[in-house]
mmCIF file of all heavy atoms, coordinates in Angstrom:
data_MODEL
# 
_entry.id   MODEL 
# 
loop_
_atom_site.group_PDB 
_atom_site.id 
_atom_site.type_symbol 
_atom_site.label_atom_id 
_atom_site.label_alt_id 
_atom_site.label_comp_id 
_atom_site.label_asym_id 
_atom_site.label_entity_id 
_atom_site.label_seq_id 
_atom_site.pdbx_PDB_ins_code 
_atom_site.Cartn_x 
_atom_site.Cartn_y 
_atom_site.Cartn_z 
_atom_site.occupancy 
_atom_site.B_iso_or_equiv 
_atom_site.pdbx_formal_charge 
_atom_site.auth_seq_id 
_atom_site.auth_comp_id 
_atom_site.auth_asym_id 
_atom_site.auth_atom_id 
_atom_site.pdbx_PDB_model_num 
ATOM 1   N N   . ASP A 1 1  ? 0.835  -1.198  0.000   1.00 0.00 ? 1  ASP A N   1 
ATOM 2   C CA  . ASP A 1 1  ? 0.000  0.000   0.000   1.00 0.00 ? 1  ASP A CA  1 
ATOM 3   C C   . ASP A 1 1  ? 0.872  1.251   0.000   1.00 0.00 ? 1  ASP A C   1 
ATOM 4   O O   . ASP A 1 1  ? 0.610  2.221   -0.732  1.00 0.00 ? 1  ASP A O   1 
ATOM 5   C CB  . ASP A 1 1  ? -0.910 -0.023  1.225   1.00 0.00 ? 1  ASP A CB  1 
ATOM 6   C CG  . ASP A 1 1  ? -1.992 1.049   1.181   1.00 0.00 ? 1  ASP A CG  1 
ATOM 7   O OD1 . ASP A 1 1  ? -1.735 2.139   0.653   1.00 0.00 ? 1  ASP A OD1 1 
ATOM 8   O OD2 . ASP A 1 1  ? -3.096 0.792   1.693   1.00 0.00 ? 1  ASP A OD2 1 
ATOM 9   N N   . CYS A 1 2  ? 1.929  1.239   0.814   1.00 0.00 ? 2  CYS A N   1 
ATOM 10  C CA  . CYS A 1 2  ? 2.833  2.401   0.878   1.00 0.00 ? 2  CYS A CA  1 
ATOM 11  C C   . CYS A 1 2  ? 3.548  2.617   -0.449  1.00 0.00 ? 2  CYS A C   1 
ATOM 12  O O   . CYS A 1 2  ? 3.792  3.764   -0.858  1.00 0.00 ? 2  CYS A O   1 
ATOM 13  C CB  . CYS A 1 2  ? 3.847  2.197   2.001   1.00 0.00 ? 2  CYS A CB  1 
ATOM 14  S SG  . CYS A 1 2  ? 3.140  2.309   3.667   1.00 0.00 ? 2  CYS A SG  1 
ATOM 15  N N   . LEU A 1 3  ? 3.899  1.520   -1.121  1.00 0.00 ? 3  LEU A N   1 
ATOM 16  C CA  . LEU A 1 3  ? 4.540  1.640   -2.431  1.00 0.00 ? 3  LEU A CA  1 
ATOM 17  C C   . LEU A 1 3  ? 3.612  2.340   -3.419  1.00 0.00 ? 3  LEU A C   1 
ATOM 18  O O   . LEU A 1 3  ? 4.038  3.199   -4.204  1.00 0.00 ? 3  LEU A O   1 
ATOM 19  C CB  . LEU A 1 3  ? 4.927  0.248   -2.952  1.00 0.00 ? 3  LEU A CB  1 
ATOM 20  C CG  . LEU A 1 3  ? 6.077  -0.455  -2.222  1.00 0.00 ? 3  LEU A CG  1 
ATOM 21  C CD1 . LEU A 1 3  ? 6.207  -1.895  -2.698  1.00 0.00 ? 3  LEU A CD1 1 
ATOM 22  C CD2 . LEU A 1 3  ? 7.386  0.289   -2.429  1.00 0.00 ? 3  LEU A CD2 1 
ATOM 23  N N   . LYS A 1 4  ? 2.340  1.978   -3.381  1.00 0.00 ? 4  LYS A N   1 
ATOM 24  C CA  . LYS A 1 4  ? 1.356  2.620   -4.256  1.00 0.00 ? 4  LYS A CA  1 
ATOM 25  C C   . LYS A 1 4  ? 1.243  4.102   -3.948  1.00 0.00 ? 4  LYS A C   1 
ATOM 26  O O   . LYS A 1 4  ? 1.152  4.935   -4.862  1.00 0.00 ? 4  LYS A O   1 
ATOM 27  C CB  . LYS A 1 4  ? -0.012 1.948   -4.101  1.00 0.00 ? 4  LYS A CB  1 
ATOM 28  C CG  . LYS A 1 4  ? -0.094 0.537   -4.644  1.00 0.00 ? 4  LYS A CG  1 
ATOM 29  C CD  . LYS A 1 4  ? -1.487 -0.034  -4.428  1.00 0.00 ? 4  LYS A CD  1 
ATOM 30  C CE  . LYS A 1 4  ? -1.591 -1.467  -4.936  1.00 0.00 ? 4  LYS A CE  1 
ATOM 31  N NZ  . LYS A 1 4  ? -2.952 -2.031  -4.675  1.00 0.00 ? 4  LYS A NZ  1 
ATOM 32  N N   . GLN A 1 5  ? 1.249  4.441   -2.659  1.00 0.00 ? 5  GLN A N   1 
ATOM 33  C CA  . GLN A 1 5  ? 1.148  5.849   -2.265  1.00 0.00 ? 5  GLN A CA  1 
ATOM 34  C C   . GLN A 1 5  ? 2.318  6.663   -2.813  1.00 0.00 ? 5  GLN A C   1 
ATOM 35  O O   . GLN A 1 5  ? 2.181  7.847   -3.135  1.00 0.00 ? 5  GLN A O   1 
ATOM 36  C CB  . GLN A 1 5  ? 1.118  5.963   -0.737  1.00 0.00 ? 5  GLN A CB  1 
ATOM 37  C CG  . GLN A 1 5  ? -0.111 5.386   -0.072  1.00 0.00 ? 5  GLN A CG  1 
ATOM 38  C CD  . GLN A 1 5  ? -0.028 5.510   1.442   1.00 0.00 ? 5  GLN A CD  1 
ATOM 39  O OE1 . GLN A 1 5  ? 0.368  6.546   1.973   1.00 0.00 ? 5  GLN A OE1 1 
ATOM 40  N NE2 . GLN A 1 5  ? -0.407 4.454   2.149   1.00 0.00 ? 5  GLN A NE2 1 
ATOM 41  N N   . ALA A 1 6  ? 3.471  5.988   -2.937  1.00 0.00 ? 6  ALA A N   1 
ATOM 42  C CA  . ALA A 1 6  ? 4.667  6.674   -3.435  1.00 0.00 ? 6  ALA A CA  1 
ATOM 43  C C   . ALA A 1 6  ? 4.718  6.723   -4.959  1.00 0.00 ? 6  ALA A C   1 
ATOM 44  O O   . ALA A 1 6  ? 5.659  7.269   -5.534  1.00 0.00 ? 6  ALA A O   1 
ATOM 45  C CB  . ALA A 1 6  ? 5.915  5.976   -2.901  1.00 0.00 ? 6  ALA A CB  1 
ATOM 46  N N   . GLY A 1 7  ? 3.699  6.135   -5.593  1.00 0.00 ? 7  GLY A N   1 
ATOM 47  C CA  . GLY A 1 7  ? 3.667  6.132   -7.043  1.00 0.00 ? 7  GLY A CA  1 
ATOM 48  C C   . GLY A 1 7  ? 4.429  4.989   -7.671  1.00 0.00 ? 7  GLY A C   1 
ATOM 49  O O   . GLY A 1 7  ? 4.738  5.013   -8.873  1.00 0.00 ? 7  GLY A O   1 
ATOM 50  N N   . LEU A 1 8  ? 4.774  3.978   -6.875  1.00 0.00 ? 8  LEU A N   1 
ATOM 51  C CA  . LEU A 1 8  ? 5.515  2.821   -7.368  1.00 0.00 ? 8  LEU A CA  1 
ATOM 52  C C   . LEU A 1 8  ? 4.575  1.650   -7.612  1.00 0.00 ? 8  LEU A C   1 
ATOM 53  O O   . LEU A 1 8  ? 3.504  1.566   -7.004  1.00 0.00 ? 8  LEU A O   1 
ATOM 54  C CB  . LEU A 1 8  ? 6.598  2.422   -6.365  1.00 0.00 ? 8  LEU A CB  1 
ATOM 55  C CG  . LEU A 1 8  ? 7.681  3.470   -6.113  1.00 0.00 ? 8  LEU A CG  1 
ATOM 56  C CD1 . LEU A 1 8  ? 8.561  3.076   -4.939  1.00 0.00 ? 8  LEU A CD1 1 
ATOM 57  C CD2 . LEU A 1 8  ? 8.538  3.663   -7.366  1.00 0.00 ? 8  LEU A CD2 1 
ATOM 58  N N   . ASN A 1 9  ? 4.993  0.749   -8.468  1.00 0.00 ? 9  ASN A N   1 
ATOM 59  C CA  . ASN A 1 9  ? 4.206  -0.444  -8.774  1.00 0.00 ? 9  ASN A CA  1 
ATOM 60  C C   . ASN A 1 9  ? 4.653  -1.589  -7.864  1.00 0.00 ? 9  ASN A C   1 
ATOM 61  O O   . ASN A 1 9  ? 5.798  -2.049  -7.959  1.00 0.00 ? 9  ASN A O   1 
ATOM 62  C CB  . ASN A 1 9  ? 4.410  -0.835  -10.238 1.00 0.00 ? 9  ASN A CB  1 
ATOM 63  C CG  . ASN A 1 9  ? 3.492  -1.980  -10.648 1.00 0.00 ? 9  ASN A CG  1 
ATOM 64  O OD1 . ASN A 1 9  ? 2.845  -2.608  -9.820  1.00 0.00 ? 9  ASN A OD1 1 
ATOM 65  N ND2 . ASN A 1 9  ? 3.440  -2.254  -11.942 1.00 0.00 ? 9  ASN A ND2 1 
ATOM 66  N N   . PRO A 1 10 ? 3.787  -2.074  -6.971  1.00 0.00 ? 10 PRO A N   1 
ATOM 67  C CA  . PRO A 1 10 ? 4.166  -3.155  -6.050  1.00 0.00 ? 10 PRO A CA  1 
ATOM 68  C C   . PRO A 1 10 ? 4.701  -4.391  -6.759  1.00 0.00 ? 10 PRO A C   1 
ATOM 69  O O   . PRO A 1 10 ? 5.514  -5.130  -6.197  1.00 0.00 ? 10 PRO A O   1 
ATOM 70  C CB  . PRO A 1 10 ? 2.852  -3.463  -5.321  1.00 0.00 ? 10 PRO A CB  1 
ATOM 71  C CG  . PRO A 1 10 ? 2.093  -2.187  -5.376  1.00 0.00 ? 10 PRO A CG  1 
ATOM 72  C CD  . PRO A 1 10 ? 2.416  -1.602  -6.722  1.00 0.00 ? 10 PRO A CD  1 
ATOM 73  N N   . LYS A 1 11 ? 4.265  -4.630  -8.009  1.00 0.00 ? 11 LYS A N   1 
ATOM 74  C CA  . LYS A 1 11 ? 4.740  -5.797  -8.755  1.00 0.00 ? 11 LYS A CA  1 
ATOM 75  C C   . LYS A 1 11 ? 6.235  -5.712  -9.039  1.00 0.00 ? 11 LYS A C   1 
ATOM 76  O O   . LYS A 1 11 ? 6.905  -6.739  -9.218  1.00 0.00 ? 11 LYS A O   1 
ATOM 77  C CB  . LYS A 1 11 ? 3.965  -5.936  -10.061 1.00 0.00 ? 11 LYS A CB  1 
ATOM 78  C CG  . LYS A 1 11 ? 2.504  -6.316  -9.877  1.00 0.00 ? 11 LYS A CG  1 
ATOM 79  C CD  . LYS A 1 11 ? 1.809  -6.498  -11.220 1.00 0.00 ? 11 LYS A CD  1 
ATOM 80  C CE  . LYS A 1 11 ? 0.339  -6.903  -11.019 1.00 0.00 ? 11 LYS A CE  1 
ATOM 81  N NZ  . LYS A 1 11 ? -0.355 -7.080  -12.320 1.00 0.00 ? 11 LYS A NZ  1 
ATOM 82  N N   . ASP A 1 12 ? 6.754  -4.487  -9.076  1.00 0.00 ? 12 ASP A N   1 
ATOM 83  C CA  . ASP A 1 12 ? 8.189  -4.317  -9.309  1.00 0.00 ? 12 ASP A CA  1 
ATOM 84  C C   . ASP A 1 12 ? 8.996  -4.654  -8.060  1.00 0.00 ? 12 ASP A C   1 
ATOM 85  O O   . ASP A 1 12 ? 10.233 -4.721  -8.106  1.00 0.00 ? 12 ASP A O   1 
ATOM 86  C CB  . ASP A 1 12 ? 8.499  -2.881  -9.726  1.00 0.00 ? 12 ASP A CB  1 
ATOM 87  C CG  . ASP A 1 12 ? 7.895  -2.538  -11.093 1.00 0.00 ? 12 ASP A CG  1 
ATOM 88  O OD1 . ASP A 1 12 ? 7.660  -3.478  -11.875 1.00 0.00 ? 12 ASP A OD1 1 
ATOM 89  O OD2 . ASP A 1 12 ? 7.642  -1.332  -11.348 1.00 0.00 ? 12 ASP A OD2 1 
ATOM 90  N N   . TYR A 1 13 ? 8.302  -4.847  -6.958  1.00 0.00 ? 13 TYR A N   1 
ATOM 91  C CA  . TYR A 1 13 ? 8.953  -5.158  -5.681  1.00 0.00 ? 13 TYR A CA  1 
ATOM 92  C C   . TYR A 1 13 ? 8.408  -6.484  -5.133  1.00 0.00 ? 13 TYR A C   1 
ATOM 93  O O   . TYR A 1 13 ? 8.077  -6.607  -3.963  1.00 0.00 ? 13 TYR A O   1 
ATOM 94  C CB  . TYR A 1 13 ? 8.716  -4.027  -4.675  1.00 0.00 ? 13 TYR A CB  1 
ATOM 95  C CG  . TYR A 1 13 ? 9.291  -2.708  -5.115  1.00 0.00 ? 13 TYR A CG  1 
ATOM 96  C CD1 . TYR A 1 13 ? 8.594  -1.886  -5.999  1.00 0.00 ? 13 TYR A CD1 1 
ATOM 97  C CD2 . TYR A 1 13 ? 10.553 -2.293  -4.679  1.00 0.00 ? 13 TYR A CD2 1 
ATOM 98  C CE1 . TYR A 1 13 ? 9.128  -0.681  -6.434  1.00 0.00 ? 13 TYR A CE1 1 
ATOM 99  C CE2 . TYR A 1 13 ? 11.085 -1.085  -5.103  1.00 0.00 ? 13 TYR A CE2 1 
ATOM 100 C CZ  . TYR A 1 13 ? 10.377 -0.289  -5.983  1.00 0.00 ? 13 TYR A CZ  1 
ATOM 101 O OH  . TYR A 1 13 ? 10.922 0.898   -6.399  1.00 0.00 ? 13 TYR A OH  1 
ATOM 102 N N   . ALA A 1 14 ? 8.321  -7.446  -6.021  1.00 0.00 ? 14 ALA A N   1 
ATOM 103 C CA  . ALA A 1 14 ? 7.767  -8.744  -5.635  1.00 0.00 ? 14 ALA A CA  1 
ATOM 104 C C   . ALA A 1 14 ? 8.616  -9.901  -6.163  1.00 0.00 ? 14 ALA A C   1 
ATOM 105 O O   . ALA A 1 14 ? 8.120  -11.006 -6.373  1.00 0.00 ? 14 ALA A O   1 
ATOM 106 C CB  . ALA A 1 14 ? 6.330  -8.871  -6.150  1.00 0.00 ? 14 ALA A CB  1 
ATOM 107 N N   . LYS A 1 15 ? 9.898  -9.639  -6.356  1.00 0.00 ? 15 LYS A N   1 
ATOM 108 C CA  . LYS A 1 15 ? 10.775 -10.690 -6.875  1.00 0.00 ? 15 LYS A CA  1 
ATOM 109 C C   . LYS A 1 15 ? 10.974 -11.782 -5.810  1.00 0.00 ? 15 LYS A C   1 
ATOM 110 O O   . LYS A 1 15 ? 10.889 -11.528 -4.609  1.00 0.00 ? 15 LYS A O   1 
ATOM 111 C CB  . LYS A 1 15 ? 12.125 -10.117 -7.280  1.00 0.00 ? 15 LYS A CB  1 
ATOM 112 C CG  . LYS A 1 15 ? 12.926 -9.540  -6.111  1.00 0.00 ? 15 LYS A CG  1 
ATOM 113 C CD  . LYS A 1 15 ? 14.259 -8.970  -6.574  1.00 0.00 ? 15 LYS A CD  1 
ATOM 114 C CE  . LYS A 1 15 ? 15.041 -8.400  -5.373  1.00 0.00 ? 15 LYS A CE  1 
ATOM 115 N NZ  . LYS A 1 15 ? 16.344 -7.838  -5.773  1.00 0.00 ? 15 LYS A NZ  1 
ATOM 116 N N   . ALA A 1 16 ? 11.235 -12.990 -6.263  1.00 0.00 ? 16 ALA A N   1 
ATOM 117 C CA  . ALA A 1 16 ? 11.496 -14.097 -5.345  1.00 0.00 ? 16 ALA A CA  1 
ATOM 118 C C   . ALA A 1 16 ? 12.807 -13.859 -4.614  1.00 0.00 ? 16 ALA A C   1 
ATOM 119 O O   . ALA A 1 16 ? 13.757 -13.298 -5.178  1.00 0.00 ? 16 ALA A O   1 
ATOM 120 C CB  . ALA A 1 16 ? 11.552 -15.410 -6.120  1.00 0.00 ? 16 ALA A CB  1 
ATOM 121 N N   . VAL A 1 17 ? 12.866 -14.265 -3.367  1.00 0.00 ? 17 VAL A N   1 
ATOM 122 C CA  . VAL A 1 17 ? 14.078 -14.076 -2.563  1.00 0.00 ? 17 VAL A CA  1 
ATOM 123 C C   . VAL A 1 17 ? 14.739 -15.431 -2.320  1.00 0.00 ? 17 VAL A C   1 
ATOM 124 O O   . VAL A 1 17 ? 14.082 -16.473 -2.373  1.00 0.00 ? 17 VAL A O   1 
ATOM 125 C CB  . VAL A 1 17 ? 13.747 -13.397 -1.217  1.00 0.00 ? 17 VAL A CB  1 
ATOM 126 C CG1 . VAL A 1 17 ? 13.057 -12.070 -1.445  1.00 0.00 ? 17 VAL A CG1 1 
ATOM 127 C CG2 . VAL A 1 17 ? 12.872 -14.305 -0.352  1.00 0.00 ? 17 VAL A CG2 1 
ATOM 128 N N   . PRO A 1 18 ? 16.032 -15.451 -2.032  1.00 0.00 ? 18 PRO A N   1 
ATOM 129 C CA  . PRO A 1 18 ? 16.741 -16.710 -1.783  1.00 0.00 ? 18 PRO A CA  1 
ATOM 130 C C   . PRO A 1 18 ? 16.195 -17.427 -0.547  1.00 0.00 ? 18 PRO A C   1 
ATOM 131 O O   . PRO A 1 18 ? 15.803 -16.784 0.437   1.00 0.00 ? 18 PRO A O   1 
ATOM 132 C CB  . PRO A 1 18 ? 18.195 -16.268 -1.562  1.00 0.00 ? 18 PRO A CB  1 
ATOM 133 C CG  . PRO A 1 18 ? 18.281 -14.912 -2.171  1.00 0.00 ? 18 PRO A CG  1 
ATOM 134 C CD  . PRO A 1 18 ? 16.937 -14.292 -1.993  1.00 0.00 ? 18 PRO A CD  1 
ATOM 135 N N   . GLN A 1 19 ? 16.137 -18.733 -0.615  1.00 0.00 ? 19 GLN A N   1 
ATOM 136 C CA  . GLN A 1 19 ? 15.710 -19.517 0.531   1.00 0.00 ? 19 GLN A CA  1 
ATOM 137 C C   . GLN A 1 19 ? 16.852 -19.623 1.535   1.00 0.00 ? 19 GLN A C   1 
ATOM 138 O O   . GLN A 1 19 ? 18.035 -19.602 1.153   1.00 0.00 ? 19 GLN A O   1 
ATOM 139 C CB  . GLN A 1 19 ? 15.274 -20.920 0.088   1.00 0.00 ? 19 GLN A CB  1 
ATOM 140 C CG  . GLN A 1 19 ? 14.029 -20.927 -0.794  1.00 0.00 ? 19 GLN A CG  1 
ATOM 141 C CD  . GLN A 1 19 ? 12.828 -20.341 -0.074  1.00 0.00 ? 19 GLN A CD  1 
ATOM 142 O OE1 . GLN A 1 19 ? 12.518 -20.700 1.057   1.00 0.00 ? 19 GLN A OE1 1 
ATOM 143 N NE2 . GLN A 1 19 ? 12.146 -19.406 -0.733  1.00 0.00 ? 19 GLN A NE2 1 
ATOM 144 N N   . PRO A 1 20 ? 16.527 -19.720 2.833   1.00 0.00 ? 20 PRO A N   1 
ATOM 145 C CA  . PRO A 1 20 ? 17.579 -19.827 3.852   1.00 0.00 ? 20 PRO A CA  1 
ATOM 146 C C   . PRO A 1 20 ? 18.482 -21.028 3.584   1.00 0.00 ? 20 PRO A C   1 
ATOM 147 O O   . PRO A 1 20 ? 17.998 -22.106 3.236   1.00 0.00 ? 20 PRO A O   1 
ATOM 148 C CB  . PRO A 1 20 ? 16.786 -20.006 5.154   1.00 0.00 ? 20 PRO A CB  1 
ATOM 149 C CG  . PRO A 1 20 ? 15.441 -19.425 4.864   1.00 0.00 ? 20 PRO A CG  1 
ATOM 150 C CD  . PRO A 1 20 ? 15.176 -19.725 3.423   1.00 0.00 ? 20 PRO A CD  1 
ATOM 151 N N   . LYS A 1 21 ? 19.769 -20.832 3.734   1.00 0.00 ? 21 LYS A N   1 
ATOM 152 C CA  . LYS A 1 21 ? 20.713 -21.921 3.508   1.00 0.00 ? 21 LYS A CA  1 
ATOM 153 C C   . LYS A 1 21 ? 20.733 -22.886 4.691   1.00 0.00 ? 21 LYS A C   1 
ATOM 154 O O   . LYS A 1 21 ? 20.664 -22.473 5.844   1.00 0.00 ? 21 LYS A O   1 
ATOM 155 C CB  . LYS A 1 21 ? 22.117 -21.351 3.281   1.00 0.00 ? 21 LYS A CB  1 
ATOM 156 C CG  . LYS A 1 21 ? 22.266 -20.578 1.987   1.00 0.00 ? 21 LYS A CG  1 
ATOM 157 C CD  . LYS A 1 21 ? 23.699 -20.104 1.798   1.00 0.00 ? 21 LYS A CD  1 
ATOM 158 C CE  . LYS A 1 21 ? 23.844 -19.357 0.475   1.00 0.00 ? 21 LYS A CE  1 
ATOM 159 N NZ  . LYS A 1 21 ? 25.253 -18.889 0.268   1.00 0.00 ? 21 LYS A NZ  1 
ATOM 160 N N   . LYS A 1 22 ? 20.815 -24.157 4.393   1.00 0.00 ? 22 LYS A N   1 
ATOM 161 C CA  . LYS A 1 22 ? 20.886 -25.194 5.414   1.00 0.00 ? 22 LYS A CA  1 
ATOM 162 C C   . LYS A 1 22 ? 22.322 -25.713 5.482   1.00 0.00 ? 22 LYS A C   1 
ATOM 163 O O   . LYS A 1 22 ? 22.861 -26.205 4.488   1.00 0.00 ? 22 LYS A O   1 
ATOM 164 C CB  . LYS A 1 22 ? 19.932 -26.346 5.079   1.00 0.00 ? 22 LYS A CB  1 
ATOM 165 C CG  . LYS A 1 22 ? 18.478 -25.923 4.929   1.00 0.00 ? 22 LYS A CG  1 
ATOM 166 C CD  . LYS A 1 22 ? 17.875 -25.459 6.242   1.00 0.00 ? 22 LYS A CD  1 
ATOM 167 C CE  . LYS A 1 22 ? 16.384 -25.159 6.092   1.00 0.00 ? 22 LYS A CE  1 
ATOM 168 N NZ  . LYS A 1 22 ? 15.776 -24.697 7.354   1.00 0.00 ? 22 LYS A NZ  1 
ATOM 169 N N   . VAL A 1 23 ? 22.927 -25.601 6.642   1.00 0.00 ? 23 VAL A N   1 
ATOM 170 C CA  . VAL A 1 23 ? 24.318 -26.029 6.780   1.00 0.00 ? 23 VAL A CA  1 
ATOM 171 C C   . VAL A 1 23 ? 24.425 -27.537 6.942   1.00 0.00 ? 23 VAL A C   1 
ATOM 172 O O   . VAL A 1 23 ? 25.426 -28.149 6.575   1.00 0.00 ? 23 VAL A O   1 
ATOM 173 C CB  . VAL A 1 23 ? 24.993 -25.323 7.978   1.00 0.00 ? 23 VAL A CB  1 
ATOM 174 C CG1 . VAL A 1 23 ? 25.050 -23.833 7.743   1.00 0.00 ? 23 VAL A CG1 1 
ATOM 175 C CG2 . VAL A 1 23 ? 24.257 -25.628 9.284   1.00 0.00 ? 23 VAL A CG2 1 
ATOM 176 N N   . GLY A 1 24 ? 23.390 -28.155 7.516   1.00 0.00 ? 24 GLY A N   1 
ATOM 177 C CA  . GLY A 1 24 ? 23.397 -29.600 7.698   1.00 0.00 ? 24 GLY A CA  1 
ATOM 178 C C   . GLY A 1 24 ? 24.373 -30.036 8.773   1.00 0.00 ? 24 GLY A C   1 
ATOM 179 O O   . GLY A 1 24 ? 24.934 -29.230 9.516   1.00 0.00 ? 24 GLY A O   1 
ATOM 180 N N   . GLY A 1 25 ? 24.567 -31.345 8.876   1.00 0.00 ? 25 GLY A N   1 
ATOM 181 C CA  . GLY A 1 25 ? 25.469 -31.877 9.891   1.00 0.00 ? 25 GLY A CA  1 
ATOM 182 C C   . GLY A 1 25 ? 24.708 -32.565 11.011  1.00 0.00 ? 25 GLY A C   1 
ATOM 183 O O   . GLY A 1 25 ? 23.480 -32.534 11.070  1.00 0.00 ? 25 GLY A O   1 
# 
């Protein structure tokens, strides 16, 4: 909602993010 208020397109800020890395062990 705040992005829209600023005149930005929320879809431009919806990219996938990296999943947390698992160290294992």
